[in-house]
C-alpha atoms as a PDB file:
ATOM      1  CA  ASN A   1       5.740  -2.253   6.228  1.00  0.00           C
ATOM      2  CA  VAL A   2       8.627  -0.459   7.922  1.00  0.00           C
ATOM      3  CA  PRO A   3       7.686   0.778  11.406  1.00  0.00           C
ATOM      4  CA  THR A   4       7.833   4.518  12.029  1.00  0.00           C
ATOM      5  CA  THR A   5       8.369   6.266  15.346  1.00  0.00           C
ATOM      6  CA  ALA A   6       6.087   8.828  16.999  1.00  0.00           C
ATOM      7  CA  ASP A   7       8.418  11.699  16.058  1.00  0.00           C
ATOM      8  CA  ALA A   8       8.576  10.732  12.363  1.00  0.00           C
ATOM      9  CA  ALA A   9       8.528  13.635   9.932  1.00  0.00           C
ATOM     10  CA  MET A  10       6.591  11.429   7.507  1.00  0.00           C
ATOM     11  CA  PRO A  11       4.819   8.628   9.457  1.00  0.00           C
ATOM     12  CA  CYS A  12       2.937   7.279   6.411  1.00  0.00           C
ATOM     13  CA  ARG A  13       3.908   6.411   2.865  1.00  0.00           C
ATOM     14  CA  LEU A  14       3.065   9.154   0.432  1.00  0.00           C
ATOM     15  CA  GLU A  15       2.694   7.165  -2.766  1.00  0.00           C
ATOM     16  CA  ASN A  16      -0.660   5.734  -3.771  1.00  0.00           C
ATOM     17  CA  ASP A  17       0.963   2.815  -5.617  1.00  0.00           C
ATOM     18  CA  LEU A  18       1.425   0.358  -2.761  1.00  0.00           C
ATOM     19  CA  THR A  19       1.977  -2.786  -4.781  1.00  0.00           C
ATOM     20  CA  LEU A  20       4.725  -5.207  -3.883  1.00  0.00           C
ATOM     21  CA  PHE A  21       7.213  -3.553  -6.221  1.00  0.00           C
ATOM     22  CA  SER A  22       6.441   0.116  -5.538  1.00  0.00           C
ATOM     23  CA  SER A  23       9.150   2.390  -4.172  1.00  0.00           C
ATOM     24  CA  LYS A  24       9.022   2.717  -0.389  1.00  0.00           C
ATOM     25  CA  PRO A  25      12.035   4.823   0.663  1.00  0.00           C
ATOM     26  CA  TYR A  26      12.566   5.279   4.394  1.00  0.00           C
ATOM     27  CA  PHE A  27      15.236   6.326   6.861  1.00  0.00           C
ATOM     28  CA  SER A  28      15.835   4.617  10.227  1.00  0.00           C
ATOM     29  CA  VAL A  29      18.264   5.202  13.078  1.00  0.00           C
ATOM     30  CA  TYR A  30      19.167   2.254  15.310  1.00  0.00           C
ATOM     31  CA  SER A  31      21.181   1.939  18.502  1.00  0.00           C
ATOM     32  CA  SER A  32      24.860   1.050  18.109  1.00  0.00           C
ATOM     33  CA  SER A  33      24.018  -2.605  18.790  1.00  0.00           C
ATOM     34  CA  GLY A  34      21.380  -2.565  16.065  1.00  0.00           C
ATOM     35  CA  ALA A  35      18.787  -3.923  18.497  1.00  0.00           C
ATOM     36  CA  GLY A  36      16.842  -0.739  19.262  1.00  0.00           C
ATOM     37  CA  LEU A  37      14.959   1.501  16.824  1.00  0.00           C
ATOM     38  CA  ILE A  38      15.589   5.142  17.776  1.00  0.00           C
ATOM     39  CA  HIS A  39      13.973   6.992  14.886  1.00  0.00           C
ATOM     40  CA  SER A  40      12.238   5.939  11.689  1.00  0.00           C
ATOM     41  CA  THR A  41      10.432   7.887   8.991  1.00  0.00           C
ATOM     42  CA  PHE A  42       9.408   7.530   5.379  1.00  0.00           C
ATOM     43  CA  VAL A  43      11.040   9.975   2.948  1.00  0.00           C
ATOM     44  CA  PRO A  44       9.765  11.335  -0.383  1.00  0.00           C
ATOM     45  CA  THR A  45      12.424   9.607  -2.464  1.00  0.00           C
ATOM     46  CA  GLY A  46      15.662   7.655  -2.131  1.00  0.00           C
ATOM     47  CA  ALA A  47      18.367   9.522  -0.209  1.00  0.00           C
ATOM     48  CA  ILE A  48      21.922  10.203  -1.282  1.00  0.00           C
ATOM     49  CA  ARG A  49      23.520  10.819   2.115  1.00  0.00           C
ATOM     50  CA  ILE A  50      22.959  12.147   5.623  1.00  0.00           C
ATOM     51  CA  ASP A  51      25.221  14.705   7.293  1.00  0.00           C
ATOM     52  CA  ALA A  52      26.187  15.161  10.927  1.00  0.00           C
ATOM     53  CA  ALA A  53      23.363  17.642  11.517  1.00  0.00           C
ATOM     54  CA  GLY A  54      20.766  15.029  10.684  1.00  0.00           C
ATOM     55  CA  SER A  55      19.968  16.490   7.276  1.00  0.00           C
ATOM     56  CA  LEU A  56      19.076  13.973   4.597  1.00  0.00           C
ATOM     57  CA  TRP A  57      20.055  14.987   1.068  1.00  0.00           C
ATOM     58  CA  ILE A  58      17.635  13.686  -1.549  1.00  0.00           C
ATOM     59  CA  PRO A  59      17.043  14.267  -5.277  1.00  0.00           C
ATOM     60  CA  GLY A  60      14.543  17.038  -5.981  1.00  0.00           C
ATOM     61  CA  ASP A  61      11.965  17.627  -8.717  1.00  0.00           C
ATOM     62  CA  THR A  62      13.055  21.174  -9.509  1.00  0.00           C
ATOM     63  CA  THR A  63      16.549  21.259  -7.986  1.00  0.00           C
ATOM     64  CA  ILE A  64      19.431  18.843  -8.020  1.00  0.00           C
ATOM     65  CA  LEU A  65      19.289  18.258  -4.266  1.00  0.00           C
ATOM     66  CA  LEU A  66      16.812  18.921  -1.483  1.00  0.00           C
ATOM     67  CA  ARG A  67      17.726  18.901   2.189  1.00  0.00           C
ATOM     68  CA  SER A  68      15.329  17.410   4.719  1.00  0.00           C
ATOM     69  CA  ASN A  69      16.057  17.076   8.432  1.00  0.00           C
ATOM     70  CA  VAL A  70      14.442  13.732   9.209  1.00  0.00           C
ATOM     71  CA  LEU A  71      15.386  13.937  12.880  1.00  0.00           C
ATOM     72  CA  ARG A  72      13.110  16.926  13.405  1.00  0.00           C
ATOM     73  CA  PRO A  73       9.733  15.925  14.901  1.00  0.00           C
ATOM     74  CA  ALA A  74       6.625  16.225  12.785  1.00  0.00           C
ATOM     75  CA  PRO A  75       5.075  19.710  12.841  1.00  0.00           C
ATOM     76  CA  PRO A  76       1.914  20.160  14.935  1.00  0.00           C
ATOM     77  CA  GLY A  77      -1.223  18.955  13.226  1.00  0.00           C
ATOM     78  CA  PRO A  78      -2.354  15.897  11.256  1.00  0.00           C
ATOM     79  CA  VAL A  79       0.084  14.557   8.653  1.00  0.00           C
ATOM     80  CA  CYS A  80      -1.627  11.523   7.132  1.00  0.00           C
ATOM     81  CA  LEU A  81      -4.284   8.880   7.656  1.00  0.00           C
ATOM     82  CA  VAL A  82      -4.317   5.153   6.970  1.00  0.00           C
ATOM     83  CA  ASN A  83      -6.557   2.127   7.271  1.00  0.00           C
ATOM     84  CA  ALA A  84      -6.143   0.955  10.882  1.00  0.00           C
ATOM     85  CA  ALA A  85      -5.933  -2.714   9.866  1.00  0.00           C
ATOM     86  CA  HIS A  86      -3.001  -2.534   7.427  1.00  0.00           C
ATOM     87  CA  TYR A  87      -1.577   0.996   7.811  1.00  0.00           C
ATOM     88  CA  ARG A  88      -1.746   1.719   4.092  1.00  0.00           C
ATOM     89  CA  ILE A  89      -2.706   5.120   2.758  1.00  0.00           C
ATOM     90  CA  GLN A  90      -6.018   4.693   1.049  1.00  0.00           C
ATOM     91  CA  ALA A  91      -9.204   6.539   0.307  1.00  0.00           C
ATOM     92  CA  ILE A  92     -11.696   6.308   3.172  1.00  0.00           C
ATOM     93  CA  ALA A  93     -14.885   4.242   3.191  1.00  0.00           C
ATOM     94  CA  PRO A  94     -18.062   4.416   5.294  1.00  0.00           C
ATOM     95  CA  GLY A  95     -17.511   2.783   8.683  1.00  0.00           C
ATOM     96  CA  GLU A  96     -13.785   2.252   8.117  1.00  0.00           C
ATOM     97  CA  ILE A  97     -11.564   2.385  11.191  1.00  0.00           C
ATOM     98  CA  ILE A  98      -8.734   4.780  10.391  1.00  0.00           C
ATOM     99  CA  THR A  99      -5.520   5.840  12.091  1.00  0.00           C
ATOM    100  CA  ILE A 100      -4.433   9.471  11.890  1.00  0.00           C
ATOM    101  CA  PHE A 101      -0.785  10.355  12.498  1.00  0.00           C
ATOM    102  CA  GLY A 102       0.604  13.783  13.279  1.00  0.00           C
ATOM    103  CA  GLY A 103       2.401  15.965  15.790  1.00  0.00           C
ATOM    104  CA  ASP A 104       0.693  17.007  19.046  1.00  0.00           C
ATOM    105  CA  ILE A 105      -2.762  16.003  17.811  1.00  0.00           C
ATOM    106  CA  GLY A 106      -3.822  14.417  21.087  1.00  0.00           C
ATOM    107  CA  PRO A 107      -3.125  14.286  24.829  1.00  0.00           C
ATOM    108  CA  GLU A 108       0.236  13.452  26.394  1.00  0.00           C
ATOM    109  CA  GLN A 109      -1.390  10.553  28.239  1.00  0.00           C
ATOM    110  CA  PRO A 110      -3.086   8.105  25.841  1.00  0.00           C
ATOM    111  CA  ALA A 111      -6.792   7.419  26.317  1.00  0.00           C
ATOM    112  CA  SER A 112      -8.936   4.559  25.030  1.00  0.00           C
ATOM    113  CA  LEU A 113     -12.579   4.547  23.962  1.00  0.00           C
ATOM    114  CA  GLN A 114     -15.356   5.408  26.375  1.00  0.00           C
ATOM    115  CA  ILE A 115     -19.055   4.639  26.194  1.00  0.00           C
ATOM    116  CA  ASP A 116     -21.585   7.437  26.767  1.00  0.00           C
ATOM    117  CA  SER A 117     -24.960   7.219  28.528  1.00  0.00           C
ATOM    118  CA  ALA A 118     -26.616   6.209  25.232  1.00  0.00           C
ATOM    119  CA  GLY A 119     -24.320   3.198  24.894  1.00  0.00           C
ATOM    120  CA  LYS A 120     -22.255   4.664  22.044  1.00  0.00           C
ATOM    121  CA  VAL A 121     -18.547   5.315  21.649  1.00  0.00           C
ATOM    122  CA  VAL A 122     -17.835   8.970  22.453  1.00  0.00           C
ATOM    123  CA  THR A 123     -16.779  11.441  19.755  1.00  0.00           C
ATOM    124  CA  ARG A 124     -14.724  13.606  22.136  1.00  0.00           C
ATOM    125  CA  LEU A 125     -11.977  11.902  24.103  1.00  0.00           C
ATOM    126  CA  ALA A 126      -9.400  13.589  26.348  1.00  0.00           C
ATOM    127  CA  GLY A 127     -10.121  16.888  24.598  1.00  0.00           C
ATOM    128  CA  ALA A 128      -9.550  15.458  21.102  1.00  0.00           C
ATOM    129  CA  SER A 129     -12.123  15.146  18.327  1.00  0.00           C
ATOM    130  CA  VAL A 130     -12.170  14.330  14.616  1.00  0.00           C
ATOM    131  CA  TRP A 131     -14.803  15.781  12.287  1.00  0.00           C
ATOM    132  CA  ILE A 132     -15.280  14.204   8.874  1.00  0.00           C
ATOM    133  CA  ASP A 133     -17.260  16.452   6.542  1.00  0.00           C
ATOM    134  CA  GLY A 134     -18.856  18.122   9.549  1.00  0.00           C
ATOM    135  CA  THR A 135     -19.798  14.914  11.396  1.00  0.00           C
ATOM    136  CA  PRO A 136     -17.957  13.926  14.606  1.00  0.00           C
ATOM    137  CA  ALA A 137     -16.266  10.526  14.359  1.00  0.00           C
ATOM    138  CA  PRO A 138     -16.330   7.956  17.189  1.00  0.00           C
ATOM    139  CA  LEU A 139     -12.873   7.821  18.799  1.00  0.00           C
ATOM    140  CA  LEU A 140     -11.279   4.523  19.771  1.00  0.00           C
ATOM    141  CA  TYR A 141      -7.860   5.765  20.891  1.00  0.00           C
ATOM    142  CA  VAL A 142      -6.095   9.105  21.212  1.00  0.00           C
ATOM    143  CA  SER A 143      -2.481   9.958  22.018  1.00  0.00           C
ATOM    144  CA  LYS A 144       0.017  12.716  21.326  1.00  0.00           C
ATOM    145  CA  ASN A 145       0.842  11.530  17.804  1.00  0.00           C
ATOM    146  CA  GLN A 146      -1.936   9.087  16.895  1.00  0.00           C
ATOM    147  CA  ILE A 147      -5.740   8.943  16.816  1.00  0.00           C
ATOM    148  CA  ASN A 148      -7.899   5.944  15.876  1.00  0.00           C
ATOM    149  CA  ALA A 149     -11.398   6.865  14.699  1.00  0.00           C
ATOM    150  CA  VAL A 150     -14.367   5.411  12.831  1.00  0.00           C
ATOM    151  CA  VAL A 151     -15.416   7.078   9.580  1.00  0.00           C
ATOM    152  CA  PRO A 152     -19.115   8.087   9.851  1.00  0.00           C
ATOM    153  CA  PHE A 153     -21.373   5.987   7.635  1.00  0.00           C
ATOM    154  CA  GLY A 154     -22.857   9.204   6.259  1.00  0.00           C
ATOM    155  CA  VAL A 155     -19.878   9.795   3.946  1.00  0.00           C
ATOM    156  CA  ALA A 156     -21.328   7.225   1.521  1.00  0.00           C
ATOM    157  CA  ASN A 157     -21.925   8.534  -2.023  1.00  0.00           C
ATOM    158  CA  ARG A 158     -19.483  11.414  -1.589  1.00  0.00           C
ATOM    159  CA  SER A 159     -16.381  11.723  -3.719  1.00  0.00           C
ATOM    160  CA  ARG A 160     -14.103  13.412  -1.172  1.00  0.00           C
ATOM    161  CA  ALA A 161     -14.185  14.258   2.514  1.00  0.00           C
ATOM    162  CA  ILE A 162     -12.446  16.779   4.756  1.00  0.00           C
ATOM    163  CA  VAL A 163     -10.959  15.297   7.936  1.00  0.00           C
ATOM    164  CA  ASP A 164     -10.627  18.013  10.590  1.00  0.00           C
ATOM    165  CA  VAL A 165      -8.590  17.119  13.700  1.00  0.00           C
ATOM    166  CA  ARG A 166      -9.434  19.274  16.710  1.00  0.00           C
ATOM    167  CA  ARG A 167      -8.168  19.688  20.237  1.00  0.00           C
ATOM    168  CA  GLU A 168     -10.344  21.493  22.760  1.00  0.00           C
ATOM    169  CA  SER A 169     -12.565  22.493  19.797  1.00  0.00           C
ATOM    170  CA  VAL A 170      -9.665  24.241  18.021  1.00  0.00           C
ATOM    171  CA  SER A 171      -8.746  22.894  14.580  1.00  0.00           C
ATOM    172  CA  LEU A 172      -5.176  21.624  14.347  1.00  0.00           C
ATOM    173  CA  GLY A 173      -5.383  21.141  10.591  1.00  0.00           C
ATOM    174  CA  VAL A 174      -7.298  19.202   7.981  1.00  0.00           C
ATOM    175  CA  LEU A 175      -6.635  16.323   5.591  1.00  0.00           C
ATOM    176  CA  GLU A 176      -8.569  15.685   2.378  1.00  0.00           C
ATOM    177  CA  ALA A 177      -9.319  12.089   1.446  1.00  0.00           C
ATOM    178  CA  PRO A 178     -11.125  10.470  -1.486  1.00  0.00           C
ATOM    179  CA  VAL A 179     -14.237   8.483  -0.528  1.00  0.00           C
ATOM    180  CA  VAL A 180     -14.764   5.043  -2.101  1.00  0.00           C
ATOM    181  CA  PRO A 181     -17.308   2.262  -1.490  1.00  0.00           C
ATOM    182  CA  ALA A 182     -14.834   0.006   0.382  1.00  0.00           C
ATOM    183  CA  VAL A 183     -11.226  -0.152   1.581  1.00  0.00           C
ATOM    184  CA  ALA A 184     -11.038  -3.643   3.054  1.00  0.00           C
ATOM    185  CA  GLY A 185      -8.444  -4.520   5.674  1.00  0.00           C
ATOM    186  CA  ILE A 186      -7.940  -7.608   7.839  1.00  0.00           C
ATOM    187  CA  PHE A 187      -6.763  -7.003  11.405  1.00  0.00           C
ATOM    188  CA  THR A 188      -3.538  -8.784  12.374  1.00  0.00           C
ATOM    189  CA  LEU A 189      -2.330 -10.064  15.727  1.00  0.00           C
ATOM    190  CA  ASP A 190       0.557  -7.607  15.984  1.00  0.00           C
ATOM    191  CA  ALA A 191      -1.387  -4.635  14.518  1.00  0.00           C
ATOM    192  CA  SER A 192       1.280  -4.235  11.818  1.00  0.00           C
ATOM    193  CA  GLY A 193      -0.924  -5.149   8.871  1.00  0.00           C
ATOM    194  CA  GLU A 194       1.315  -8.111   8.061  1.00  0.00           C
ATOM    195  CA  GLY A 195       1.755 -11.631   9.317  1.00  0.00           C
ATOM    196  CA  PRO A 196      -0.824 -13.752  11.160  1.00  0.00           C
ATOM    197  CA  GLY A 197      -4.356 -12.430  11.055  1.00  0.00           C
ATOM    198  CA  ALA A 198      -6.370 -11.844  14.225  1.00  0.00           C
ATOM    199  CA  ILE A 199      -8.395 -14.973  13.487  1.00  0.00           C
ATOM    200  CA  LEU A 200     -10.264 -17.334  15.799  1.00  0.00           C
ATOM    201  CA  ASN A 201     -10.616 -21.055  15.229  1.00  0.00           C
ATOM    202  CA  GLN A 202     -13.985 -22.751  15.518  1.00  0.00           C
ATOM    203  CA  ASP A 203     -13.385 -23.524  19.200  1.00  0.00           C
ATOM    204  CA  GLY A 204     -12.760 -19.842  19.960  1.00  0.00           C
ATOM    205  CA  THR A 205      -8.987 -20.135  20.339  1.00  0.00           C
ATOM    206  CA  ILE A 206      -6.549 -17.885  18.475  1.00  0.00           C
ATOM    207  CA  ASN A 207      -5.365 -19.306  15.163  1.00  0.00           C
ATOM    208  CA  SER A 208      -1.577 -19.718  14.954  1.00  0.00           C
ATOM    209  CA  PRO A 209       1.040 -22.085  13.484  1.00  0.00           C
ATOM    210  CA  ALA A 210       0.926 -23.950  16.801  1.00  0.00           C
ATOM    211  CA  ASN A 211      -2.879 -23.977  16.758  1.00  0.00           C
ATOM    212  CA  PRO A 212      -3.959 -24.370  13.090  1.00  0.00           C
ATOM    213  CA  ALA A 213      -7.513 -24.679  11.812  1.00  0.00           C
ATOM    214  CA  GLU A 214      -8.856 -27.957  10.484  1.00  0.00           C
ATOM    215  CA  VAL A 215      -9.997 -28.207   6.868  1.00  0.00           C
ATOM    216  CA  GLY A 216     -13.781 -27.941   6.911  1.00  0.00           C
ATOM    217  CA  SER A 217     -13.869 -26.025  10.201  1.00  0.00           C
ATOM    218  CA  VAL A 218     -15.089 -22.434  10.493  1.00  0.00           C
ATOM    219  CA  VAL A 219     -12.744 -19.547  11.317  1.00  0.00           C
ATOM    220  CA  SER A 220     -13.724 -16.017  12.358  1.00  0.00           C
ATOM    221  CA  ILE A 221     -11.924 -13.167  10.585  1.00  0.00           C
ATOM    222  CA  TYR A 222     -12.119  -9.543  11.745  1.00  0.00           C
ATOM    223  CA  ALA A 223     -11.924  -6.711   9.241  1.00  0.00           C
ATOM    224  CA  THR A 224     -12.826  -3.089   8.614  1.00  0.00           C
ATOM    225  CA  GLY A 225     -13.480  -0.841   5.634  1.00  0.00           C
ATOM    226  CA  LEU A 226     -16.123  -3.051   4.000  1.00  0.00           C
ATOM    227  CA  GLY A 227     -18.354  -0.049   3.346  1.00  0.00           C
ATOM    228  CA  ALA A 228     -22.057   0.597   3.815  1.00  0.00           C
ATOM    229  CA  MET A 229     -24.096  -1.789   5.964  1.00  0.00           C
ATOM    230  CA  GLN A 230     -27.771  -2.798   5.938  1.00  0.00           C
ATOM    231  CA  PRO A 231     -29.745  -1.999   7.998  1.00  0.00           C
ATOM    232  CA  ALA A 232     -27.865   1.296   8.269  1.00  0.00           C
ATOM    233  CA  PRO A 233     -26.072   1.358  11.635  1.00  0.00           C
ATOM    234  CA  GLU A 234     -25.697   4.314  13.966  1.00  0.00           C
ATOM    235  CA  ASP A 235     -22.202   5.765  14.242  1.00  0.00           C
ATOM    236  CA  GLY A 236     -20.433   4.591  17.392  1.00  0.00           C
ATOM    237  CA  ALA A 237     -23.076   2.020  18.310  1.00  0.00           C
ATOM    238  CA  ILE A 238     -22.218  -1.351  19.818  1.00  0.00           C
ATOM    239  CA  PRO A 239     -24.197  -3.729  17.603  1.00  0.00           C
ATOM    240  CA  GLY A 240     -27.095  -5.725  18.897  1.00  0.00           C
ATOM    241  CA  SER A 241     -29.890  -7.471  17.018  1.00  0.00           C
ATOM    242  CA  PRO A 242     -30.647  -7.348  14.147  1.00  0.00           C
ATOM    243  CA  ARG A 243     -27.050  -7.295  13.028  1.00  0.00           C
ATOM    244  CA  ALA A 244     -26.115  -5.200  10.021  1.00  0.00           C
ATOM    245  CA  LYS A 245     -24.415  -6.829   7.038  1.00  0.00           C
ATOM    246  CA  PRO A 246     -22.245  -5.339   4.280  1.00  0.00           C
ATOM    247  CA  VAL A 247     -24.125  -4.082   1.244  1.00  0.00           C
ATOM    248  CA  LEU A 248     -21.262  -5.055  -1.060  1.00  0.00           C
ATOM    249  CA  PRO A 249     -20.601  -8.747  -1.779  1.00  0.00           C
ATOM    250  CA  VAL A 250     -17.849 -10.187   0.420  1.00  0.00           C
ATOM    251  CA  SER A 251     -15.541 -13.073  -0.491  1.00  0.00           C
ATOM    252  CA  ILE A 252     -12.631 -14.856   1.203  1.00  0.00           C
ATOM    253  CA  THR A 253      -9.900 -16.765  -0.639  1.00  0.00           C
ATOM    254  CA  PHE A 254      -7.202 -19.043   0.822  1.00  0.00           C
ATOM    255  CA  ARG A 255      -3.996 -19.511  -1.145  1.00  0.00           C
ATOM    256  CA  PRO A 256      -1.031 -21.740  -0.248  1.00  0.00           C
ATOM    257  CA  TYR A 257       2.426 -20.427  -1.046  1.00  0.00           C
ATOM    258  CA  TYR A 258       2.905 -23.038  -3.786  1.00  0.00           C
ATOM    259  CA  GLY A 259      -0.593 -24.066  -4.750  1.00  0.00           C
ATOM    260  CA  PRO A 260      -3.826 -22.895  -6.334  1.00  0.00           C
ATOM    261  CA  GLU A 261      -6.156 -20.583  -4.451  1.00  0.00           C
ATOM    262  CA  ALA A 262      -9.446 -21.852  -3.080  1.00  0.00           C
ATOM    263  CA  PRO A 263     -12.562 -19.807  -2.297  1.00  0.00           C
ATOM    264  CA  ALA A 264     -14.088 -20.215   1.156  1.00  0.00           C
ATOM    265  CA  GLU A 265     -17.759 -20.694   1.969  1.00  0.00           C
ATOM    266  CA  ILE A 266     -18.919 -17.672   3.982  1.00  0.00           C
ATOM    267  CA  LEU A 267     -21.475 -18.513   6.629  1.00  0.00           C
ATOM    268  CA  TYR A 268     -21.757 -15.035   8.136  1.00  0.00           C
ATOM    269  CA  ALA A 269     -20.499 -11.540   7.326  1.00  0.00           C
ATOM    270  CA  GLY A 270     -21.746  -8.703   9.499  1.00  0.00           C
ATOM    271  CA  ASN A 271     -20.940  -6.500  12.429  1.00  0.00           C
ATOM    272  CA  ALA A 272     -19.027  -8.120  15.280  1.00  0.00           C
ATOM    273  CA  PRO A 273     -21.006  -8.592  18.500  1.00  0.00           C
ATOM    274  CA  GLY A 274     -19.684  -6.403  21.300  1.00  0.00           C
ATOM    275  CA  MET A 275     -17.464  -4.322  19.010  1.00  0.00           C
ATOM    276  CA  VAL A 276     -18.072  -0.871  17.584  1.00  0.00           C
ATOM    277  CA  GLU A 277     -19.902  -0.541  14.265  1.00  0.00           C
ATOM    278  CA  GLY A 278     -17.166  -0.585  11.642  1.00  0.00           C
ATOM    279  CA  VAL A 279     -15.624  -3.873  12.773  1.00  0.00           C
ATOM    280  CA  VAL A 280     -16.933  -6.699  10.575  1.00  0.00           C
ATOM    281  CA  GLN A 281     -16.803 -10.366  11.536  1.00  0.00           C
ATOM    282  CA  ILE A 282     -16.609 -12.948   8.765  1.00  0.00           C
ATOM    283  CA  ASN A 283     -17.151 -16.626   9.514  1.00  0.00           C
ATOM    284  CA  ALA A 284     -15.665 -18.716   6.716  1.00  0.00           C
ATOM    285  CA  ARG A 285     -15.263 -22.457   6.234  1.00  0.00           C
ATOM    286  CA  VAL A 286     -11.676 -23.527   5.570  1.00  0.00           C
ATOM    287  CA  PRO A 287     -11.520 -25.079   2.068  1.00  0.00           C
ATOM    288  CA  ARG A 288      -9.466 -28.113   1.088  1.00  0.00           C
ATOM    289  CA  LEU A 289      -6.013 -26.939  -0.006  1.00  0.00           C
ATOM    290  CA  SER A 290      -3.099 -28.477  -1.861  1.00  0.00           C
ATOM    291  CA  GLU A 291      -0.902 -27.844   1.169  1.00  0.00           C
ATOM    292  CA  GLY A 292      -1.286 -26.664   4.767  1.00  0.00           C
ATOM    293  CA  GLY A 293       0.747 -24.549   7.131  1.00  0.00           C
ATOM    294  CA  GLU A 294       0.585 -20.780   6.926  1.00  0.00           C
ATOM    295  CA  VAL A 295      -1.392 -19.761   3.839  1.00  0.00           C
ATOM    296  CA  TRP A 296      -2.285 -16.373   2.425  1.00  0.00           C
ATOM    297  CA  LEU A 297      -5.714 -14.982   3.110  1.00  0.00           C
ATOM    298  CA  PHE A 298      -7.415 -12.503   0.774  1.00  0.00           C
ATOM    299  CA  LEU A 299     -10.565 -10.520   1.486  1.00  0.00           C
ATOM    300  CA  ARG A 300     -12.628  -8.758  -1.142  1.00  0.00           C
ATOM    301  CA  ALA A 301     -15.541  -6.380  -0.620  1.00  0.00           C
ATOM    302  CA  GLY A 302     -17.036  -5.393  -3.950  1.00  0.00           C
ATOM    303  CA  SER A 303     -14.050  -4.394  -6.067  1.00  0.00           C
ATOM    304  CA  SER A 304     -11.793  -3.739  -3.045  1.00  0.00           C
ATOM    305  CA  THR A 305      -9.154  -6.307  -2.136  1.00  0.00           C
ATOM    306  CA  ALA A 306      -7.551  -6.195   1.301  1.00  0.00           C
ATOM    307  CA  ALA A 307      -4.008  -5.190   0.372  1.00  0.00           C
ATOM    308  CA  PRO A 308      -2.981  -8.317  -1.570  1.00  0.00           C
ATOM    309  CA  TRP A 309       0.672  -7.314  -1.295  1.00  0.00           C
ATOM    310  CA  VAL A 310       0.374  -7.526   2.502  1.00  0.00           C
ATOM    311  CA  ILE A 311       0.935 -11.074   3.696  1.00  0.00           C
ATOM    312  CA  THR A 312      -2.001 -11.700   6.001  1.00  0.00           C
ATOM    313  CA  THR A 313      -1.872 -15.367   6.921  1.00  0.00           C
ATOM    314  CA  VAL A 314      -4.008 -18.067   8.483  1.00  0.00           C
ATOM    315  CA  SER A 315      -2.680 -21.423   9.657  1.00  0.00           C
ATOM    316  CA  VAL A 316      -4.310 -24.620   8.353  1.00  0.00           C
ATOM    317  CA  ARG A 317      -3.488 -28.141   9.552  1.00  0.00           C
ATOM    318  CA  LYS A 318      -1.584 -30.105   6.917  1.00  0.00           C
END
């Protein structure tokens, strides 16, 4: 989960195999003290050396060496898209919140979501828009090199979708993504996709090692990419009553570092009150575990597991 900078030539991993042991080559430039990250990008394969001009020499498929200048900003247009919860390249799912990276795909000054007169999240923000198979996507955040959007629920039952990023109605380029029933992801406190989950304890306080949950108490977990909902929600709506619930079965498992996993009782799984359709709240009872402290948390929606190689954690009192 190496961080990349806004000017990265390759802001997302290219490989589909994102297991713990998959190859994840990257190149980063730090300040002379090592404290500040100046530039960071993923690269297609492991590098051999970098020269003074900033060119990275890497093994090629058809030639012995390829030269890639990793210090050159990304070209204009969308480069890749990821699940907004764990920043992994995946297929897209109905209602999934995604992050699109690229060069000059949005405004210089970042803008956050706005609500229109109908009470829905707007699909055009600061001149930017994203169309997924011809349907405008609700926009949660736009900036020069990043856009956060919600996949329209209408992509269900399709095999692939075209993601068209536009600025002032002019297409900046398209990405093609497979469509699957679910691509589950748990939101984390630092938005990195790793570490402590954005989880609330039963009393409404933020779960942390200093504020662990009690065994038998109920924690609230926030996720996206759980797929189709019933009743079918409107794109961009802020959920009210009745609240939609995932069509696919949802399960939560707690697992200590050195102990057996334990399934959690789910009391509620549905859209999160006050948040855009696409954010799912799961209330789960903390099971009895062989040990406490920070434990791994796994989410499954149908056959989709929320990146099990990403260490999303929840703290449980010992």
